[in-house]
C-alpha atoms as a PDB file:
ATOM      1  CA  UNK A   1      12.382 -13.398 -42.700  1.00  0.00           C
ATOM      2  CA  UNK A   2      10.540 -16.640 -41.541  1.00  0.00           C
ATOM      3  CA  UNK A   3      13.258 -16.905 -38.721  1.00  0.00           C
ATOM      4  CA  UNK A   4      12.482 -13.384 -37.590  1.00  0.00           C
ATOM      5  CA  UNK A   5       8.814 -13.281 -37.531  1.00  0.00           C
ATOM      6  CA  UNK A   6       8.918 -17.023 -35.736  1.00  0.00           C
ATOM      7  CA  UNK A   7      11.136 -15.107 -33.052  1.00  0.00           C
ATOM      8  CA  UNK A   8       9.183 -12.313 -32.841  1.00  0.00           C
ATOM      9  CA  UNK A   9       5.767 -14.611 -32.210  1.00  0.00           C
ATOM     10  CA  UNK A  10       7.468 -16.298 -29.360  1.00  0.00           C
ATOM     11  CA  UNK A  11       9.107 -12.955 -27.560  1.00  0.00           C
ATOM     12  CA  UNK A  12       5.130 -11.738 -28.009  1.00  0.00           C
ATOM     13  CA  UNK A  13       4.227 -15.237 -26.638  1.00  0.00           C
ATOM     14  CA  UNK A  14       6.345 -14.984 -23.770  1.00  0.00           C
ATOM     15  CA  UNK A  15       5.575 -11.841 -22.808  1.00  0.00           C
ATOM     16  CA  UNK A  16       1.787 -12.530 -22.846  1.00  0.00           C
ATOM     17  CA  UNK A  17       2.979 -15.913 -20.579  1.00  0.00           C
ATOM     18  CA  UNK A  18       4.920 -13.132 -18.092  1.00  0.00           C
ATOM     19  CA  UNK A  19       1.949 -11.187 -17.698  1.00  0.00           C
ATOM     20  CA  UNK A  20      -0.254 -13.949 -16.935  1.00  0.00           C
ATOM     21  CA  UNK A  21       1.876 -14.826 -14.560  1.00  0.00           C
ATOM     22  CA  UNK A  22       2.260 -12.013 -12.960  1.00  0.00           C
ATOM     23  CA  UNK A  23      -1.213 -11.484 -12.442  1.00  0.00           C
ATOM     24  CA  UNK A  24      -1.474 -14.827 -11.101  1.00  0.00           C
ATOM     25  CA  UNK A  25       1.048 -14.076  -8.642  1.00  0.00           C
ATOM     26  CA  UNK A  26      -0.592 -10.528  -7.720  1.00  0.00           C
ATOM     27  CA  UNK A  27      -3.375 -12.399  -7.240  1.00  0.00           C
ATOM     28  CA  UNK A  28      -2.482 -15.136  -4.910  1.00  0.00           C
ATOM     29  CA  UNK A  29      -0.123 -12.327  -3.059  1.00  0.00           C
ATOM     30  CA  UNK A  30      -3.836 -10.435  -2.624  1.00  0.00           C
ATOM     31  CA  UNK A  31      -5.539 -13.615  -1.196  1.00  0.00           C
ATOM     32  CA  UNK A  32      -2.424 -14.118   1.065  1.00  0.00           C
ATOM     33  CA  UNK A  33      -3.014 -10.702   2.439  1.00  0.00           C
ATOM     34  CA  UNK A  34      -6.775 -11.308   2.572  1.00  0.00           C
ATOM     35  CA  UNK A  35      -6.360 -15.185   4.524  1.00  0.00           C
ATOM     36  CA  UNK A  36      -3.327 -13.569   6.408  1.00  0.00           C
ATOM     37  CA  UNK A  37      -5.607 -10.593   7.755  1.00  0.00           C
ATOM     38  CA  UNK A  38      -8.819 -13.202   8.732  1.00  0.00           C
ATOM     39  CA  UNK A  39      -6.316 -15.031  10.543  1.00  0.00           C
ATOM     40  CA  UNK A  40      -5.370 -11.919  12.768  1.00  0.00           C
ATOM     41  CA  UNK A  41      -9.046 -10.813  13.321  1.00  0.00           C
ATOM     42  CA  UNK A  42      -9.652 -14.863  14.168  1.00  0.00           C
ATOM     43  CA  UNK A  43      -6.715 -14.944  16.583  1.00  0.00           C
ATOM     44  CA  UNK A  44      -8.126 -11.080  18.101  1.00  0.00           C
ATOM     45  CA  UNK A  45     -11.368 -12.329  18.732  1.00  0.00           C
ATOM     46  CA  UNK A  46     -10.294 -15.484  20.399  1.00  0.00           C
ATOM     47  CA  UNK A  47      -7.807 -13.840  22.569  1.00  0.00           C
ATOM     48  CA  UNK A  48     -11.000 -11.466  23.668  1.00  0.00           C
ATOM     49  CA  UNK A  49     -12.762 -14.988  24.910  1.00  0.00           C
ATOM     50  CA  UNK A  50      -9.686 -16.272  26.562  1.00  0.00           C
ATOM     51  CA  UNK A  51      -8.742 -13.418  28.250  1.00  0.00           C
ATOM     52  CA  UNK A  52     -12.829 -13.261  29.643  1.00  0.00           C
ATOM     53  CA  UNK A  53     -12.474 -17.192  30.630  1.00  0.00           C
ATOM     54  CA  UNK A  54      -9.802 -16.455  32.455  1.00  0.00           C
ATOM     55  CA  UNK A  55     -11.062 -13.165  34.326  1.00  0.00           C
ATOM     56  CA  UNK A  56     -13.887 -15.868  34.786  1.00  0.00           C
ATOM     57  CA  UNK A  57     -12.143 -18.569  36.549  1.00  0.00           C
ATOM     58  CA  UNK A  58      -9.557 -16.597  38.400  1.00  0.00           C
ATOM     59  CA  UNK A  59     -12.464 -14.746  40.688  1.00  0.00           C
ATOM     60  CA  UNK A  60     -13.988 -16.210  43.646  1.00  0.00           C
ATOM     61  CA  UNK A  61     -17.686 -17.410  43.936  1.00  0.00           C
ATOM     62  CA  UNK A  62     -19.504 -14.228  44.256  1.00  0.00           C
ATOM     63  CA  UNK A  63     -17.295 -11.895  42.126  1.00  0.00           C
ATOM     64  CA  UNK A  64     -17.483 -14.894  39.118  1.00  0.00           C
ATOM     65  CA  UNK A  65     -21.545 -14.259  39.398  1.00  0.00           C
ATOM     66  CA  UNK A  66     -21.200 -10.666  39.589  1.00  0.00           C
ATOM     67  CA  UNK A  67     -18.742 -10.236  36.762  1.00  0.00           C
ATOM     68  CA  UNK A  68     -20.425 -12.561  34.741  1.00  0.00           C
ATOM     69  CA  UNK A  69     -24.222 -10.801  35.203  1.00  0.00           C
ATOM     70  CA  UNK A  70     -22.136  -7.424  34.411  1.00  0.00           C
ATOM     71  CA  UNK A  71     -20.609  -9.189  30.825  1.00  0.00           C
ATOM     72  CA  UNK A  72     -24.207 -10.692  29.942  1.00  0.00           C
ATOM     73  CA  UNK A  73     -26.334  -7.547  30.663  1.00  0.00           C
ATOM     74  CA  UNK A  74     -23.745  -5.447  28.406  1.00  0.00           C
ATOM     75  CA  UNK A  75     -23.458  -7.658  25.446  1.00  0.00           C
ATOM     76  CA  UNK A  76     -27.288  -8.653  25.726  1.00  0.00           C
ATOM     77  CA  UNK A  77     -27.478  -4.416  25.513  1.00  0.00           C
ATOM     78  CA  UNK A  78     -25.101  -4.568  22.413  1.00  0.00           C
ATOM     79  CA  UNK A  79     -26.495  -7.211  20.535  1.00  0.00           C
ATOM     80  CA  UNK A  80     -30.280  -5.777  20.819  1.00  0.00           C
ATOM     81  CA  UNK A  81     -29.028  -2.029  20.455  1.00  0.00           C
ATOM     82  CA  UNK A  82     -27.691  -3.206  16.840  1.00  0.00           C
ATOM     83  CA  UNK A  83     -29.831  -6.085  16.150  1.00  0.00           C
ATOM     84  CA  UNK A  84     -33.147  -5.805  18.005  1.00  0.00           C
ATOM     85  CA  UNK A  85     -34.685  -7.572  20.627  1.00  0.00           C
ATOM     86  CA  UNK A  86     -34.462 -11.252  19.516  1.00  0.00           C
ATOM     87  CA  UNK A  87     -31.217 -11.370  20.722  1.00  0.00           C
ATOM     88  CA  UNK A  88     -29.306 -12.043  24.435  1.00  0.00           C
ATOM     89  CA  UNK A  89     -26.538 -13.457  25.475  1.00  0.00           C
ATOM     90  CA  UNK A  90     -25.709 -16.178  27.972  1.00  0.00           C
ATOM     91  CA  UNK A  91     -22.837 -17.221  29.908  1.00  0.00           C
ATOM     92  CA  UNK A  92     -22.556 -20.323  31.357  1.00  0.00           C
ATOM     93  CA  UNK A  93     -20.260 -21.590  33.979  1.00  0.00           C
ATOM     94  CA  UNK A  94     -19.369 -25.157  34.711  1.00  0.00           C
ATOM     95  CA  UNK A  95     -16.275 -27.163  36.347  1.00  0.00           C
ATOM     96  CA  UNK A  96     -13.757 -28.919  34.104  1.00  0.00           C
ATOM     97  CA  UNK A  97     -11.141 -31.064  36.355  1.00  0.00           C
ATOM     98  CA  UNK A  98     -12.179 -28.315  39.430  1.00  0.00           C
ATOM     99  CA  UNK A  99     -11.495 -25.509  37.431  1.00  0.00           C
ATOM    100  CA  UNK A 100     -14.721 -23.399  36.380  1.00  0.00           C
ATOM    101  CA  UNK A 101     -14.736 -23.523  32.603  1.00  0.00           C
ATOM    102  CA  UNK A 102     -16.843 -20.300  30.623  1.00  0.00           C
ATOM    103  CA  UNK A 103     -18.970 -21.210  27.228  1.00  0.00           C
ATOM    104  CA  UNK A 104     -20.475 -18.143  25.873  1.00  0.00           C
ATOM    105  CA  UNK A 105     -23.606 -17.990  23.478  1.00  0.00           C
ATOM    106  CA  UNK A 106     -25.669 -16.051  21.840  1.00  0.00           C
ATOM    107  CA  UNK A 107     -29.810 -16.462  22.341  1.00  0.00           C
ATOM    108  CA  UNK A 108     -32.300 -16.029  18.977  1.00  0.00           C
ATOM    109  CA  UNK A 109     -36.023 -15.969  20.499  1.00  0.00           C
ATOM    110  CA  UNK A 110     -38.058 -17.105  17.072  1.00  0.00           C
ATOM    111  CA  UNK A 111     -41.704 -17.575  17.034  1.00  0.00           C
ATOM    112  CA  UNK A 112     -41.414 -19.084  20.615  1.00  0.00           C
ATOM    113  CA  UNK A 113     -38.136 -21.014  19.850  1.00  0.00           C
ATOM    114  CA  UNK A 114     -35.218 -20.149  21.528  1.00  0.00           C
ATOM    115  CA  UNK A 115     -32.010 -20.851  19.071  1.00  0.00           C
ATOM    116  CA  UNK A 116     -28.767 -21.598  21.232  1.00  0.00           C
ATOM    117  CA  UNK A 117     -25.349 -21.164  19.061  1.00  0.00           C
ATOM    118  CA  UNK A 118     -22.108 -19.921  20.166  1.00  0.00           C
ATOM    119  CA  UNK A 119     -20.714 -16.670  18.810  1.00  0.00           C
ATOM    120  CA  UNK A 120     -18.126 -17.817  16.428  1.00  0.00           C
ATOM    121  CA  UNK A 121     -20.766 -20.119  14.664  1.00  0.00           C
ATOM    122  CA  UNK A 122     -23.942 -17.640  14.585  1.00  0.00           C
ATOM    123  CA  UNK A 123     -24.659 -16.389  11.114  1.00  0.00           C
ATOM    124  CA  UNK A 124     -22.495 -13.403   9.426  1.00  0.00           C
ATOM    125  CA  UNK A 125     -19.751 -11.935  11.005  1.00  0.00           C
ATOM    126  CA  UNK A 126     -22.091  -9.182  12.783  1.00  0.00           C
ATOM    127  CA  UNK A 127     -22.592 -11.243  15.621  1.00  0.00           C
ATOM    128  CA  UNK A 128     -19.425 -12.379  16.744  1.00  0.00           C
ATOM    129  CA  UNK A 129     -17.869  -8.454  16.058  1.00  0.00           C
ATOM    130  CA  UNK A 130     -20.780  -6.985  18.367  1.00  0.00           C
ATOM    131  CA  UNK A 131     -20.495 -10.069  20.661  1.00  0.00           C
ATOM    132  CA  UNK A 132     -16.128  -9.838  20.963  1.00  0.00           C
ATOM    133  CA  UNK A 133     -16.874  -5.882  20.750  1.00  0.00           C
ATOM    134  CA  UNK A 134     -18.684  -5.471  24.112  1.00  0.00           C
ATOM    135  CA  UNK A 135     -16.930  -8.447  25.551  1.00  0.00           C
ATOM    136  CA  UNK A 136     -13.543  -6.497  25.096  1.00  0.00           C
ATOM    137  CA  UNK A 137     -15.617  -3.315  26.954  1.00  0.00           C
ATOM    138  CA  UNK A 138     -17.019  -5.183  29.786  1.00  0.00           C
ATOM    139  CA  UNK A 139     -13.708  -7.102  30.616  1.00  0.00           C
ATOM    140  CA  UNK A 140     -12.146  -3.267  30.834  1.00  0.00           C
ATOM    141  CA  UNK A 141     -14.966  -2.404  32.705  1.00  0.00           C
ATOM    142  CA  UNK A 142     -15.438  -5.215  34.694  1.00  0.00           C
ATOM    143  CA  UNK A 143     -11.140  -5.460  35.861  1.00  0.00           C
ATOM    144  CA  UNK A 144     -10.767  -3.348  39.436  1.00  0.00           C
ATOM    145  CA  UNK A 145      -8.881  -1.524  39.517  1.00  0.00           C
ATOM    146  CA  UNK A 146     -10.566   0.036  36.668  1.00  0.00           C
ATOM    147  CA  UNK A 147      -8.149   0.672  33.876  1.00  0.00           C
ATOM    148  CA  UNK A 148      -8.098   4.869  33.149  1.00  0.00           C
ATOM    149  CA  UNK A 149      -7.774   6.301  29.513  1.00  0.00           C
ATOM    150  CA  UNK A 150      -9.861   5.920  26.556  1.00  0.00           C
ATOM    151  CA  UNK A 151     -10.842   3.236  24.814  1.00  0.00           C
ATOM    152  CA  UNK A 152      -9.238   2.475  21.217  1.00  0.00           C
ATOM    153  CA  UNK A 153     -10.640   0.511  18.980  1.00  0.00           C
ATOM    154  CA  UNK A 154      -9.316  -0.368  15.688  1.00  0.00           C
ATOM    155  CA  UNK A 155     -11.670  -1.079  12.504  1.00  0.00           C
ATOM    156  CA  UNK A 156     -14.650  -2.304  14.600  1.00  0.00           C
ATOM    157  CA  UNK A 157     -17.527  -3.720  13.368  1.00  0.00           C
ATOM    158  CA  UNK A 158     -15.614  -4.449  10.029  1.00  0.00           C
ATOM    159  CA  UNK A 159     -17.688  -7.079   8.999  1.00  0.00           C
ATOM    160  CA  UNK A 160     -21.057  -5.480  10.488  1.00  0.00           C
ATOM    161  CA  UNK A 161     -23.854  -4.900   7.665  1.00  0.00           C
ATOM    162  CA  UNK A 162     -24.079  -1.229   6.692  1.00  0.00           C
ATOM    163  CA  UNK A 163     -27.989  -1.578   7.712  1.00  0.00           C
ATOM    164  CA  UNK A 164     -26.321  -2.041  11.379  1.00  0.00           C
ATOM    165  CA  UNK A 165     -22.872   0.351  11.212  1.00  0.00           C
ATOM    166  CA  UNK A 166     -25.046   3.450  12.591  1.00  0.00           C
ATOM    167  CA  UNK A 167     -26.613   1.504  15.522  1.00  0.00           C
ATOM    168  CA  UNK A 168     -23.224  -0.010  16.750  1.00  0.00           C
ATOM    169  CA  UNK A 169     -21.907   3.725  16.602  1.00  0.00           C
ATOM    170  CA  UNK A 170     -24.902   4.892  19.024  1.00  0.00           C
ATOM    171  CA  UNK A 171     -24.097   1.835  21.020  1.00  0.00           C
ATOM    172  CA  UNK A 172     -20.606   3.127  21.132  1.00  0.00           C
ATOM    173  CA  UNK A 173     -22.131   6.285  22.128  1.00  0.00           C
ATOM    174  CA  UNK A 174     -23.935   5.796  24.293  1.00  0.00           C
ATOM    175  CA  UNK A 175     -21.615   2.895  26.385  1.00  0.00           C
ATOM    176  CA  UNK A 176     -19.093   6.162  26.359  1.00  0.00           C
ATOM    177  CA  UNK A 177     -21.189   8.154  28.006  1.00  0.00           C
ATOM    178  CA  UNK A 178     -22.409   5.625  30.158  1.00  0.00           C
ATOM    179  CA  UNK A 179     -18.886   4.900  31.619  1.00  0.00           C
ATOM    180  CA  UNK A 180     -17.835   8.320  30.867  1.00  0.00           C
ATOM    181  CA  UNK A 181     -14.941   7.139  28.733  1.00  0.00           C
ATOM    182  CA  UNK A 182     -14.028   8.387  25.268  1.00  0.00           C
ATOM    183  CA  UNK A 183     -13.611   5.927  22.711  1.00  0.00           C
ATOM    184  CA  UNK A 184     -11.592   6.358  19.603  1.00  0.00           C
ATOM    185  CA  UNK A 185     -12.290   5.086  16.373  1.00  0.00           C
ATOM    186  CA  UNK A 186      -9.674   3.800  14.072  1.00  0.00           C
ATOM    187  CA  UNK A 187     -11.573   3.218  10.616  1.00  0.00           C
ATOM    188  CA  UNK A 188     -11.992   3.381   6.840  1.00  0.00           C
ATOM    189  CA  UNK A 189     -16.144   3.214   7.347  1.00  0.00           C
ATOM    190  CA  UNK A 190     -17.534   6.234   6.129  1.00  0.00           C
ATOM    191  CA  UNK A 191     -20.691   6.396   8.572  1.00  0.00           C
ATOM    192  CA  UNK A 192     -18.888   5.653  11.175  1.00  0.00           C
ATOM    193  CA  UNK A 193     -16.680   8.970  10.221  1.00  0.00           C
ATOM    194  CA  UNK A 194     -19.738  10.910   9.852  1.00  0.00           C
ATOM    195  CA  UNK A 195     -21.480   9.660  12.883  1.00  0.00           C
ATOM    196  CA  UNK A 196     -18.497  10.457  15.035  1.00  0.00           C
ATOM    197  CA  UNK A 197     -18.646  13.850  17.554  1.00  0.00           C
ATOM    198  CA  UNK A 198     -14.668  14.846  15.701  1.00  0.00           C
ATOM    199  CA  UNK A 199     -12.985  13.019  12.830  1.00  0.00           C
ATOM    200  CA  UNK A 200      -9.419  13.361  11.649  1.00  0.00           C
ATOM    201  CA  UNK A 201      -7.885  12.061   8.291  1.00  0.00           C
ATOM    202  CA  UNK A 202      -4.632  10.844   8.481  1.00  0.00           C
ATOM    203  CA  UNK A 203      -2.424  10.137   5.503  1.00  0.00           C
ATOM    204  CA  UNK A 204       1.082   8.996   4.542  1.00  0.00           C
ATOM    205  CA  UNK A 205       2.690  11.152   1.983  1.00  0.00           C
ATOM    206  CA  UNK A 206       5.960  11.011   0.824  1.00  0.00           C
ATOM    207  CA  UNK A 207       6.811   8.999   3.659  1.00  0.00           C
ATOM    208  CA  UNK A 208       5.624  11.593   6.103  1.00  0.00           C
ATOM    209  CA  UNK A 209       2.299  11.160   8.324  1.00  0.00           C
ATOM    210  CA  UNK A 210      -0.258  14.140   7.743  1.00  0.00           C
ATOM    211  CA  UNK A 211      -2.957  14.444  10.043  1.00  0.00           C
ATOM    212  CA  UNK A 212      -6.131  16.653   9.284  1.00  0.00           C
ATOM    213  CA  UNK A 213      -9.721  17.593  10.658  1.00  0.00           C
ATOM    214  CA  UNK A 214     -12.424  15.808   8.137  1.00  0.00           C
ATOM    215  CA  UNK A 215     -14.992  17.274   7.386  1.00  0.00           C
ATOM    216  CA  UNK A 216     -18.778  16.059   9.007  1.00  0.00           C
ATOM    217  CA  UNK A 217     -21.306  16.165   7.520  1.00  0.00           C
ATOM    218  CA  UNK A 218     -23.490  17.288  10.473  1.00  0.00           C
ATOM    219  CA  UNK A 219     -22.074  20.197  11.598  1.00  0.00           C
ATOM    220  CA  UNK A 220     -20.238  21.159   8.338  1.00  0.00           C
ATOM    221  CA  UNK A 221     -16.940  21.174  10.038  1.00  0.00           C
END
């Protein structure tokens, strides 16, 4: 009887240990997915900056100056639209080994002082999100011939604070109107969904994709 009790205790302990290890494995899997997703986001942002650098490097002096001014203006407008008038964006061009090199800076004016930081080093993910988003738009509108078709953005402003999400949406709307380009957002953010002109919900059920219009609060559709 004692042996049976001891065996039962061991089985219970083994089950408890198994559950603990399974919970730990699930937590490690979640952390792995989070890190992998973060790496993907950082890589995508870096790709945008690299493409802009390449565009500026391969342009002639006059075209480079024009592209620089257009990008600075559009990104500055985006930062000010979302975060307020204290922000602006600058591209610094220099030469290294006979080739033009571009560096990007976000300038914050505060109490008469200008603080100059690289977007990746700015506090919070919102600054680099808006900067890379605006640079992506600027690059599309600067290329010649100009690419046609809608601008599709996957989870734009994912790290932008909820206080600034609607301002980001208004910036995107005004940009779409200014460049006469449709903008399609893929998002889980309810604020962006409610602010859209049209919204559709995409769900997967039983291995099939279902698309249906989403209800919007503004027009009750």
